[in-house]
Protein backbone atom coordinates (compact mmCIF):
# COMPACT_ATOMS: atom_id res chain seq x y z
CA UNK A 1 43.04 10.43 -103.36
CA UNK A 2 40.79 10.95 -100.50
CA UNK A 3 40.55 7.85 -97.75
CA UNK A 4 38.72 8.65 -94.23
CA UNK A 5 39.08 6.36 -91.04
CA UNK A 6 37.39 6.78 -87.94
CA UNK A 7 38.80 7.11 -84.25
CA UNK A 8 38.76 8.47 -81.16
CA UNK A 9 40.30 10.76 -78.44
CA UNK A 10 39.23 11.60 -75.18
CA UNK A 11 38.02 15.08 -73.40
CA UNK A 12 38.00 14.53 -69.81
CA UNK A 13 37.01 11.00 -68.85
CA UNK A 14 34.84 10.77 -72.29
CA UNK A 15 35.39 9.87 -75.48
CA UNK A 16 34.24 11.80 -79.10
CA UNK A 17 34.61 10.32 -82.86
CA UNK A 18 37.31 11.51 -84.72
CA UNK A 19 37.46 11.35 -88.55
CA UNK A 20 40.83 10.84 -89.86
CA UNK A 21 41.14 12.01 -93.28
CA UNK A 22 44.39 11.10 -95.38
CA UNK A 23 44.73 12.93 -99.51
CA UNK A 24 47.15 11.51 -100.88
CA UNK A 25 48.12 13.86 -104.45
CA UNK A 26 50.91 14.15 -107.33
CA UNK A 27 52.97 17.43 -105.74
CA UNK A 28 56.06 17.22 -104.04
CA UNK A 29 56.66 15.32 -101.40
CA UNK A 30 55.36 16.69 -98.07
CA UNK A 31 53.78 15.46 -94.87
CA UNK A 32 51.28 18.03 -93.28
CA UNK A 33 48.88 16.97 -90.23
CA UNK A 34 46.12 19.81 -89.14
CA UNK A 35 43.44 19.71 -87.09
CA UNK A 36 44.77 21.20 -83.61
CA UNK A 37 47.62 18.28 -83.64
CA UNK A 38 49.97 18.42 -80.64
CA UNK A 39 53.62 17.27 -80.68
CA UNK A 40 53.00 13.44 -79.97
CA UNK A 41 50.17 13.43 -83.27
CA UNK A 42 53.27 15.62 -85.20
CA UNK A 43 56.02 13.38 -84.35
CA UNK A 44 53.25 10.40 -85.82
CA UNK A 45 54.94 10.85 -89.26
CA UNK A 46 57.68 9.59 -88.54
CA UNK A 47 56.46 6.53 -86.99
CA UNK A 48 54.41 6.17 -89.61
CA UNK A 49 56.64 6.45 -92.18
CA UNK A 50 58.77 3.77 -90.66
CA UNK A 51 56.32 1.35 -89.66
CA UNK A 52 54.75 1.35 -93.42
CA UNK A 53 58.33 0.93 -94.99
CA UNK A 54 59.15 -2.05 -92.07
CA UNK A 55 55.69 -4.23 -92.77
CA UNK A 56 56.48 -4.06 -96.02
CA UNK A 57 54.15 -1.51 -97.62
CA UNK A 58 54.77 1.62 -99.98
CA UNK A 59 54.95 4.92 -98.12
CA UNK A 60 54.60 7.14 -101.29
CA UNK A 61 56.54 10.13 -102.31
CA UNK A 62 54.00 12.80 -102.52
CA UNK A 63 52.27 15.04 -101.03
CA UNK A 64 50.20 13.72 -97.74
CA UNK A 65 47.83 15.60 -95.30
CA UNK A 66 46.04 14.25 -92.50
CA UNK A 67 42.96 16.12 -91.39
CA UNK A 68 41.73 15.32 -87.51
CA UNK A 69 38.60 16.00 -87.99
CA UNK A 70 36.53 18.40 -86.04
CA UNK A 71 39.23 20.41 -85.89
CA UNK A 72 38.44 23.08 -83.82
CA UNK A 73 39.46 20.24 -80.55
CA UNK A 74 42.60 20.40 -79.72
CA UNK A 75 44.50 16.76 -79.88
CA UNK A 76 46.78 14.64 -78.15
CA UNK A 77 48.10 11.33 -77.76
CA UNK A 78 50.05 8.47 -80.45
CA UNK A 79 46.75 6.85 -80.45
CA UNK A 80 46.00 8.36 -84.17
CA UNK A 81 49.40 6.63 -85.60
CA UNK A 82 47.40 3.57 -86.57
CA UNK A 83 44.06 5.42 -88.58
CA UNK A 84 47.03 7.21 -90.00
CA UNK A 85 48.93 4.67 -91.27
CA UNK A 86 45.75 3.00 -92.72
CA UNK A 87 44.66 5.80 -94.28
CA UNK A 88 47.78 5.81 -96.06
CA UNK A 89 47.92 2.96 -97.29
CA UNK A 90 44.17 3.37 -98.73
CA UNK A 91 44.81 6.30 -100.22
CA UNK A 92 47.17 4.82 -102.29
CA UNK A 93 45.21 2.03 -103.13
CA UNK A 94 47.05 -0.73 -101.56
CA UNK A 95 43.76 -1.87 -99.60
CA UNK A 96 40.40 -1.19 -101.02
CA UNK A 97 38.78 1.92 -98.76
CA UNK A 98 35.65 -0.06 -98.17
CA UNK A 99 36.98 -2.63 -95.66
CA UNK A 100 37.09 -0.48 -92.25
CA UNK A 101 34.25 1.85 -92.54
CA UNK A 102 32.54 0.34 -89.61
CA UNK A 103 35.61 0.17 -87.35
CA UNK A 104 37.01 2.39 -84.74
CA UNK A 105 41.09 2.11 -84.99
CA UNK A 106 43.07 3.55 -82.33
CA UNK A 107 46.88 2.72 -81.16
CA UNK A 108 50.20 3.56 -80.91
CA UNK A 109 52.82 2.11 -84.07
CA UNK A 110 56.15 1.27 -82.71
CA UNK A 111 59.18 2.14 -85.71
CA UNK A 112 58.72 -2.07 -86.79
CA UNK A 113 54.77 -1.85 -87.10
CA UNK A 114 54.17 -3.33 -83.60
CA UNK A 115 50.63 -1.86 -82.30
CA UNK A 116 51.75 -0.06 -78.63
CA UNK A 117 48.76 0.97 -75.64
CA UNK A 118 47.35 3.75 -75.38
CA UNK A 119 45.88 5.65 -72.59
CA UNK A 120 41.81 6.37 -72.28
CA UNK A 121 40.71 3.32 -74.65
CA UNK A 122 37.63 2.15 -71.62
CA UNK A 123 36.30 5.63 -72.13
CA UNK A 124 36.50 4.99 -76.33
CA UNK A 125 35.43 1.53 -75.90
CA UNK A 126 32.01 2.76 -74.72
CA UNK A 127 31.98 5.92 -77.32
CA UNK A 128 31.97 2.86 -80.06
CA UNK A 129 29.09 0.83 -78.17
CA UNK A 130 27.11 3.87 -78.10
CA UNK A 131 27.69 5.09 -81.65
CA UNK A 132 25.28 2.09 -82.46
CA UNK A 133 27.64 -0.61 -81.86
CA UNK A 134 30.62 0.18 -84.24
CA UNK A 135 33.36 -2.35 -83.80
CA UNK A 136 36.83 -1.43 -82.40
CA UNK A 137 40.49 -2.73 -83.23
CA UNK A 138 42.35 -2.19 -80.11
CA UNK A 139 46.31 -3.22 -79.56
CA UNK A 140 45.92 -5.86 -78.10
CA UNK A 141 47.78 -4.95 -74.99
CA UNK A 142 44.22 -2.92 -74.33
CA UNK A 143 42.11 -5.82 -75.21
CA UNK A 144 40.84 -6.67 -71.88
CA UNK A 145 39.97 -2.71 -70.87
CA UNK A 146 38.03 -2.19 -73.89
CA UNK A 147 36.43 -5.29 -73.78
CA UNK A 148 34.87 -3.71 -70.09
CA UNK A 149 32.61 -1.47 -72.60
CA UNK A 150 30.37 -4.17 -73.45
CA UNK A 151 28.07 -3.54 -76.83
CA UNK A 152 30.93 -2.96 -79.00
CA UNK A 153 33.08 -6.36 -80.77
CA UNK A 154 36.74 -6.04 -79.65
CA UNK A 155 38.93 -7.36 -82.58
CA UNK A 156 43.13 -6.33 -80.73
CA UNK A 157 45.86 -6.51 -83.08
CA UNK A 158 49.84 -6.71 -82.63
CA UNK A 159 50.69 -5.22 -85.69
CA UNK A 160 50.15 -3.63 -89.06
CA UNK A 161 50.98 -6.28 -90.75
CA UNK A 162 48.42 -7.98 -88.77
CA UNK A 163 46.08 -5.30 -89.16
CA UNK A 164 45.45 -4.87 -92.67
CA UNK A 165 46.04 -9.21 -92.87
CA UNK A 166 42.71 -9.03 -90.83
CA UNK A 167 41.08 -6.36 -93.24
CA UNK A 168 41.60 -7.47 -96.79
CA UNK A 169 40.72 -11.46 -95.33
CA UNK A 170 43.89 -13.25 -94.99
CA UNK A 171 44.50 -12.87 -91.16
CA UNK A 172 41.17 -14.57 -88.80
CA UNK A 173 40.86 -11.91 -85.68
CA UNK A 174 38.07 -13.35 -83.67
CA UNK A 175 36.03 -10.91 -81.16
CA UNK A 176 38.12 -10.07 -77.75
CA UNK A 177 35.31 -11.40 -74.95
CA UNK A 178 35.74 -10.99 -71.33
CA UNK A 179 33.00 -12.78 -68.09
CA UNK A 180 33.32 -8.71 -66.98
CA UNK A 181 31.36 -10.09 -63.87
CA UNK A 182 33.90 -12.29 -63.43
CA UNK A 183 37.25 -10.00 -63.48
CA UNK A 184 35.06 -7.64 -60.75
CA UNK A 185 34.40 -10.45 -58.57
CA UNK A 186 38.11 -11.38 -58.96
CA UNK A 187 39.06 -7.76 -58.23
CA UNK A 188 36.92 -6.82 -55.52
CA UNK A 189 39.58 -8.09 -52.68
CA UNK A 190 41.89 -5.60 -50.10
CA UNK A 191 45.65 -6.16 -49.61
CA UNK A 192 45.18 -5.26 -45.99
CA UNK A 193 42.75 -5.69 -43.00
CA UNK A 194 41.33 -3.72 -40.14
CA UNK A 195 42.28 -6.63 -38.26
CA UNK A 196 45.79 -5.90 -38.55
CA UNK A 197 45.17 -2.80 -36.43
CA UNK A 198 46.42 -3.71 -32.54
CA UNK A 199 44.18 -1.41 -30.07
CA UNK A 200 43.56 2.30 -31.17
CA UNK A 201 39.60 0.78 -30.29
CA UNK A 202 38.30 4.43 -30.74
CA UNK A 203 39.65 5.22 -33.92
CA UNK A 204 38.47 2.00 -35.22
CA UNK A 205 34.98 3.07 -34.09
CA UNK A 206 35.52 6.84 -35.56
CA UNK A 207 36.31 5.34 -39.29
CA UNK A 208 33.29 3.05 -39.33
CA UNK A 209 31.54 6.34 -38.32
CA UNK A 210 32.93 8.21 -40.89
CA UNK A 211 32.35 5.44 -43.45
CA UNK A 212 28.90 4.83 -42.76
CA UNK A 213 27.83 7.91 -43.11
CA UNK A 214 30.84 9.05 -45.98
CA UNK A 215 32.19 11.57 -43.02
CA UNK A 216 35.38 13.49 -44.13
CA UNK A 217 38.01 13.05 -40.90
CA UNK A 218 40.77 14.04 -39.19
CA UNK A 219 43.29 12.01 -36.67
CA UNK A 220 45.71 13.88 -34.38
CA UNK A 221 47.93 12.33 -32.89
CA UNK A 222 51.94 11.51 -32.14
CA UNK A 223 54.40 10.07 -34.43
CA UNK A 224 53.84 6.10 -34.56
CA UNK A 225 50.43 6.12 -33.75
CA UNK A 226 48.91 4.23 -36.06
CA UNK A 227 47.51 6.78 -38.20
CA UNK A 228 48.54 6.26 -41.78
CA UNK A 229 47.82 2.01 -40.92
CA UNK A 230 44.56 3.26 -40.34
CA UNK A 231 43.89 5.48 -43.00
CA UNK A 232 45.27 2.87 -45.50
CA UNK A 233 42.26 0.34 -44.63
CA UNK A 234 39.64 2.77 -44.30
CA UNK A 235 38.80 1.62 -48.11
CA UNK A 236 38.48 -1.80 -46.74
CA UNK A 237 34.95 -0.92 -44.72
CA UNK A 238 33.60 1.68 -47.23
CA UNK A 239 30.49 0.10 -49.16
CA UNK A 240 31.69 -3.01 -52.20
CA UNK A 241 31.80 -0.79 -55.70
CA UNK A 242 29.27 -1.26 -57.77
CA UNK A 243 29.73 -2.08 -61.55
CA UNK A 244 29.06 1.78 -62.73
CA UNK A 245 31.44 3.49 -59.91
CA UNK A 246 34.24 0.64 -61.08
CA UNK A 247 33.54 1.55 -64.52
CA UNK A 248 33.82 4.97 -63.74
CA UNK A 249 36.61 4.91 -61.95
CA UNK A 250 38.37 2.99 -64.70
CA UNK A 251 38.15 5.32 -66.94
CA UNK A 252 39.30 8.46 -64.86
CA UNK A 253 42.75 6.04 -64.37
CA UNK A 254 42.68 4.82 -68.18
CA UNK A 255 42.57 8.84 -69.15
CA UNK A 256 45.25 9.51 -66.19
CA UNK A 257 47.60 6.50 -67.77
CA UNK A 258 47.78 4.86 -64.29
CA UNK A 259 45.70 1.51 -64.87
CA UNK A 260 47.93 -0.91 -63.49
CA UNK A 261 48.78 -3.99 -66.24
CA UNK A 262 46.71 -6.43 -66.45
CA UNK A 263 43.92 -4.73 -64.54
CA UNK A 264 41.26 -3.69 -67.04
CA UNK A 265 38.60 -2.46 -63.80
CA UNK A 266 39.50 -1.25 -60.70
CA UNK A 267 36.79 -2.71 -58.23
CA UNK A 268 38.31 -1.70 -54.93
CA UNK A 269 38.14 1.39 -53.69
CA UNK A 270 41.25 4.11 -54.35
CA UNK A 271 43.52 4.95 -51.97
CA UNK A 272 45.41 7.97 -52.76
CA UNK A 273 48.24 9.41 -50.77
CA UNK A 274 49.55 12.37 -52.17
CA UNK A 275 52.92 13.41 -50.65
CA UNK A 276 53.07 17.24 -48.69
CA UNK A 277 55.14 18.97 -51.27
CA UNK A 278 52.23 17.78 -53.96
CA UNK A 279 51.34 21.15 -56.72
CA UNK A 280 48.64 22.21 -57.18
CA UNK A 281 48.24 20.53 -60.82
CA UNK A 282 49.03 17.31 -58.78
CA UNK A 283 46.15 17.65 -55.99
CA UNK A 284 42.82 18.80 -58.32
CA UNK A 285 44.56 18.39 -61.74
CA UNK A 286 45.52 20.71 -64.79
CA UNK A 287 48.65 20.80 -66.79
CA UNK A 288 48.48 22.91 -70.36
CA UNK A 289 46.50 19.93 -71.38
CA UNK A 290 44.45 18.93 -68.05
CA UNK A 291 44.83 15.82 -66.22
CA UNK A 292 42.74 14.78 -63.79
CA UNK A 293 44.57 15.37 -60.22
CA UNK A 294 44.99 13.46 -57.05
CA UNK A 295 41.25 14.36 -56.53
CA UNK A 296 40.15 12.59 -59.34
CA UNK A 297 42.23 10.01 -59.13
CA UNK A 298 40.45 9.26 -55.44
CA UNK A 299 36.85 8.71 -57.06
CA UNK A 300 34.67 6.81 -55.15
CA UNK A 301 37.66 6.47 -52.62
CA UNK A 302 39.56 8.44 -50.00
CA UNK A 303 42.35 10.37 -50.28
CA UNK A 304 44.27 10.81 -47.44
CA UNK A 305 46.55 13.56 -46.27
CA UNK A 306 49.23 12.72 -44.15
CA UNK A 307 50.93 15.87 -42.15
CA UNK A 308 48.58 17.76 -43.45
CA UNK A 309 49.33 20.56 -41.48
CA UNK A 310 52.91 20.30 -43.85
CA UNK A 311 50.64 20.97 -47.28
CA UNK A 312 51.05 24.12 -48.94
CA UNK A 313 48.06 26.51 -47.68
CA UNK A 314 47.43 27.48 -51.22
CA UNK A 315 47.03 23.53 -52.08
CA UNK A 316 44.28 22.65 -49.51
CA UNK A 317 42.43 25.60 -50.55
CA UNK A 318 41.71 24.12 -53.57
CA UNK A 319 40.39 21.14 -52.64
CA UNK A 320 37.15 23.27 -51.26
CA UNK A 321 35.32 23.15 -54.62
CA UNK A 322 35.93 18.81 -55.17
CA UNK A 323 34.97 18.55 -51.01
CA UNK A 324 31.68 21.04 -51.66
CA UNK A 325 30.34 19.71 -55.44
CA UNK A 326 32.36 16.45 -55.74
CA UNK A 327 34.10 17.59 -58.92
CA UNK A 328 36.54 19.89 -60.54
CA UNK A 329 36.72 21.86 -62.88
CA UNK A 330 39.63 22.71 -65.06
CA UNK A 331 39.60 25.58 -67.15
CA UNK A 332 42.41 26.55 -69.76
CA UNK A 333 42.43 29.13 -72.10
CA UNK A 334 41.75 26.57 -75.13
CA UNK A 335 39.26 24.15 -73.26
CA UNK A 336 37.54 23.74 -70.01
CA UNK A 337 37.29 20.30 -68.59
CA UNK A 338 35.28 18.94 -65.51
CA UNK A 339 36.26 15.96 -63.74
CA UNK A 340 34.49 13.93 -61.01
CA UNK A 341 35.79 13.74 -57.33
CA UNK A 342 34.11 12.52 -55.35
CA UNK A 343 35.96 11.14 -52.51
CA UNK A 344 36.41 10.99 -48.72
CA UNK A 345 38.85 12.66 -47.47
CA UNK A 346 40.83 11.35 -44.43
CA UNK A 347 43.87 13.68 -42.82
CA UNK A 348 46.29 13.34 -40.51
CA UNK A 349 48.59 15.30 -38.32
CA UNK A 350 51.10 15.78 -35.24
CA UNK A 351 49.04 17.35 -32.58
CA UNK A 352 52.40 20.11 -32.65
CA UNK A 353 55.50 21.01 -34.50
CA UNK A 354 57.78 17.99 -32.64
CA UNK A 355 54.76 15.68 -32.66
CA UNK A 356 54.83 14.99 -28.77
CA UNK A 357 52.10 17.29 -27.13
CA UNK A 358 50.35 15.73 -24.70
CA UNK A 359 52.32 12.32 -25.09
CA UNK A 360 52.85 10.51 -21.81
CA UNK A 361 56.27 9.04 -23.03
CA UNK A 362 57.63 11.84 -24.97
CA UNK A 363 58.61 15.32 -23.47
CA UNK A 364 57.18 17.79 -25.75
CA UNK A 365 59.78 20.87 -27.14
CA UNK A 366 56.87 23.62 -28.55
CA UNK A 367 56.28 26.48 -27.00
CA UNK A 368 51.90 27.45 -26.94
CA UNK A 369 52.71 30.20 -29.81
CA UNK A 370 54.58 27.38 -32.06
CA UNK A 371 51.24 25.00 -31.42
CA UNK A 372 48.79 27.40 -32.16
CA UNK A 373 50.69 28.42 -35.11
CA UNK A 374 51.02 25.32 -36.42
CA UNK A 375 47.43 24.01 -36.01
CA UNK A 376 46.11 27.28 -37.40
CA UNK A 377 47.64 25.81 -40.88
CA UNK A 378 44.23 24.33 -41.67
CA UNK A 379 42.32 27.48 -42.28
CA UNK A 380 38.24 27.55 -40.93
CA UNK A 381 36.46 27.07 -44.68
CA UNK A 382 38.72 23.55 -44.87
CA UNK A 383 37.85 22.41 -41.17
CA UNK A 384 34.09 23.56 -41.72
CA UNK A 385 33.88 20.39 -44.01
CA UNK A 386 35.64 17.91 -41.82
CA UNK A 387 32.57 16.17 -40.00
CA UNK A 388 34.64 14.10 -37.75
CA UNK A 389 37.81 15.05 -35.43
CA UNK A 390 39.29 12.08 -33.28
CA UNK A 391 42.95 11.83 -31.36
CA UNK A 392 44.98 9.41 -31.67
CA UNK A 393 47.19 8.76 -28.86
CA UNK A 394 50.26 5.92 -28.69
CA UNK A 395 50.01 2.44 -29.06
CA UNK A 396 51.24 0.39 -25.61
CA UNK A 397 52.99 -2.32 -25.34
CA UNK A 398 50.41 -4.46 -24.25
CA UNK A 399 48.11 -3.97 -27.15
CA UNK A 400 50.93 -4.33 -29.34
CA UNK A 401 51.91 -7.55 -28.29
CA UNK A 402 48.54 -9.30 -27.78
CA UNK A 403 47.48 -12.21 -29.97
CA UNK A 404 43.87 -10.77 -30.02
CA UNK A 405 43.17 -9.84 -33.88
CA UNK A 406 40.92 -7.30 -34.08
CA UNK A 407 37.54 -7.27 -36.20
CA UNK A 408 37.54 -8.07 -39.78
CA UNK A 409 37.08 -5.32 -42.74
CA UNK A 410 34.30 -7.66 -43.64
CA UNK A 411 32.43 -7.52 -40.57
CA UNK A 412 32.71 -3.67 -40.34
CA UNK A 413 31.68 -3.14 -43.91
CA UNK A 414 28.11 -5.49 -43.36
CA UNK A 415 27.25 -3.03 -40.56
CA UNK A 416 28.06 0.15 -42.92
CA UNK A 417 26.16 -1.63 -45.26
CA UNK A 418 22.77 -1.59 -43.42
CA UNK A 419 23.53 1.93 -42.18
CA UNK A 420 24.33 3.06 -45.77
CA UNK A 421 20.80 1.10 -46.96
CA UNK A 422 18.73 2.77 -43.80
CA UNK A 423 20.54 6.50 -45.19
CA UNK A 424 19.69 5.68 -49.71
CA UNK A 425 15.91 4.64 -48.42
CA UNK A 426 15.97 8.03 -47.03
CA UNK A 427 17.59 9.97 -49.77
CA UNK A 428 16.01 7.84 -52.44
CA UNK A 429 13.76 10.56 -54.00
CA UNK A 430 16.80 13.02 -53.87
CA UNK A 431 19.36 12.86 -56.60
CA UNK A 432 22.59 14.49 -55.37
CA UNK A 433 22.59 13.13 -51.86
CA UNK A 434 23.32 9.37 -50.88
CA UNK A 435 24.67 9.89 -47.63
CA UNK A 436 24.14 11.94 -44.26
CA UNK A 437 27.65 13.59 -44.94
CA UNK A 438 25.71 15.12 -47.92
CA UNK A 439 22.74 16.61 -46.38
CA UNK A 440 23.00 20.41 -46.48
CA UNK A 441 21.81 22.76 -43.10
CA UNK A 442 17.53 22.88 -44.17
CA UNK A 443 17.89 18.85 -44.14
CA UNK A 444 19.60 18.76 -41.39
CA UNK A 445 16.78 20.46 -39.06
CA UNK A 446 14.08 17.81 -40.89
CA UNK A 447 16.29 15.13 -40.50
CA UNK A 448 18.06 15.78 -37.24
CA UNK A 449 15.81 16.20 -34.81
CA UNK A 450 16.52 16.11 -31.44
CA UNK A 451 14.12 15.90 -28.16
CA UNK A 452 14.33 18.41 -25.88
CA UNK A 453 17.31 16.79 -23.39
CA UNK A 454 19.54 16.15 -26.62
CA UNK A 455 19.08 19.84 -27.12
CA UNK A 456 19.90 20.35 -23.74
CA UNK A 457 23.36 18.26 -24.01
CA UNK A 458 24.09 20.40 -27.24
CA UNK A 459 23.81 23.54 -25.89
CA UNK A 460 25.86 22.89 -23.19
CA UNK A 461 28.41 21.17 -25.78
CA UNK A 462 28.56 24.36 -27.39
CA UNK A 463 28.97 26.74 -24.86
CA UNK A 464 30.43 25.24 -21.68
CA UNK A 465 33.81 22.77 -23.95
CA UNK A 466 34.34 25.53 -26.60
CA UNK A 467 32.87 24.06 -29.30
CA UNK A 468 32.73 26.35 -32.56
CA UNK A 469 29.17 27.38 -34.25
CA UNK A 470 30.09 25.97 -37.09
CA UNK A 471 30.28 21.81 -35.27
CA UNK A 472 26.33 22.34 -34.59
CA UNK A 473 25.28 20.69 -38.10
CA UNK A 474 28.20 18.57 -38.40
CA UNK A 475 27.38 17.21 -34.74
CA UNK A 476 23.78 16.05 -35.61
CA UNK A 477 24.95 14.75 -39.28
CA UNK A 478 27.43 12.35 -37.46
CA UNK A 479 24.58 11.58 -34.67
CA UNK A 480 22.21 10.76 -37.33
CA UNK A 481 25.02 8.48 -38.52
CA UNK A 482 25.48 6.68 -35.58
CA UNK A 483 22.00 6.46 -35.29
CA UNK A 484 21.97 4.66 -38.62
CA UNK A 485 24.11 2.40 -37.26
CA UNK A 486 22.25 1.46 -34.04
CA UNK A 487 19.20 1.06 -36.11
CA UNK A 488 17.72 3.45 -34.57
CA UNK A 489 14.63 6.05 -36.22
CA UNK A 490 15.16 8.57 -33.78
CA UNK A 491 18.69 10.38 -32.55
CA UNK A 492 19.07 9.28 -28.44
CA UNK A 493 21.29 10.96 -26.26
CA UNK A 494 23.97 8.38 -26.40
CA UNK A 495 24.23 8.60 -30.22
CA UNK A 496 24.92 12.56 -29.66
CA UNK A 497 27.16 12.73 -26.92
CA UNK A 498 29.39 10.08 -29.11
CA UNK A 499 29.26 12.65 -31.90
CA UNK A 500 30.03 15.20 -29.85
CA UNK A 501 33.11 13.28 -28.31
CA UNK A 502 34.53 13.81 -32.16
CA UNK A 503 34.49 17.94 -32.47
CA UNK A 504 38.36 17.40 -30.17
CA UNK A 505 40.17 20.07 -32.06
CA UNK A 506 37.30 22.75 -31.80
CA UNK A 507 37.21 22.39 -27.74
CA UNK A 508 41.17 23.06 -28.56
CA UNK A 509 42.52 20.72 -26.50
CA UNK A 510 46.16 21.12 -28.43
CA UNK A 511 46.51 24.09 -26.94
């Protein structure tokens, strides 16, 4: 006999319907799974067999064929255990086959019949809600996450026995509901704040400008100057996430299996800081079955590269596509997936290999040639995509011992929100531009106009201070952001002068 169960799987950060067909025939006992299953799907045979027997049902000594349609897409994971078990029970007449036609089932089975959580539930639930509002049966530990997709009735189950009882009407399970607005508000709290940082007022100002315009930033300074501390607080001054942004970010973390326990929604800006030994696949995403990398996990947040000069050059070069296109495409022989990767890049590095070039309290042991080679590890194309360069000097004792707290993140974020609103109004007719950092050369010429005095100042900066030609557009974009923070419709000389000051690496300060 044949039974069909509806399930779902993920491709990228979206889900698609999988029809699980179970056919049981009176032939020599065997168990075959077809439809491009991976190793985890093939191993479901042992889990399903033990779960059915330990749940006091009969596992048939017959030929069992499981087909996962569409058969031309590779299936992965353990989420098909539950629909396979229900399909076998239905095909053998142990439950009626008309009880589950409008359910999407996903879940891993333990050997004793308990239902375990799986990855990627949120995109599956969103897909189910868009598919004529189908009902969804999920592991109880995934219920909160699935309920974030409003529109689909979510039924949590703890065991195969509970599920069969529910389908036959002997066990009542109520749809799981959650107040998404309440969860969203409660999850928007950060553990750190800008008021924790002592001193470094110029660096704080630079980070405020970067956050206001969505500009990538690099901080250069000696060890212990607070570069990492500043970077960790950068997400706290970015504009609050919208619900749509939170859902998209949560989908990525859910698919990657990195959604924290009891956290159904990520409502704070992500902060990712991979180690400098990270592989290309770890940074950009990949694997035999592609998974999101650090650039996608930082979507709508901050990707922080500490000691960026220590990263392998080829790892840094793969950042160029996501920095330019805000997405990353991973191509494999069997499939090609695209993940979103709209993030702010924050980088930090020492001014030289020993870290103390230009520091008054420590003597640098590096030669000019060593310093030049060290700084040259960052390629021109990568630096082209970083708008703000700042020096972060060591903090003196007076600032460290001061009882005065700095400005709180909430106050800084209010100013940034006002600046971002000006930018959203400016770019309201453009689909791909949301902040000043996304402007291209043609738009810069139209939007970032400066008067004759500004042109003279910019010419002086480029010719007399050794600024590179590529710095011209970057300075204008940053100046426009500074003007937005000042609620100014035009770029004034002070705005331009401050923007010029944020190109320290172009002036070769470290050589």
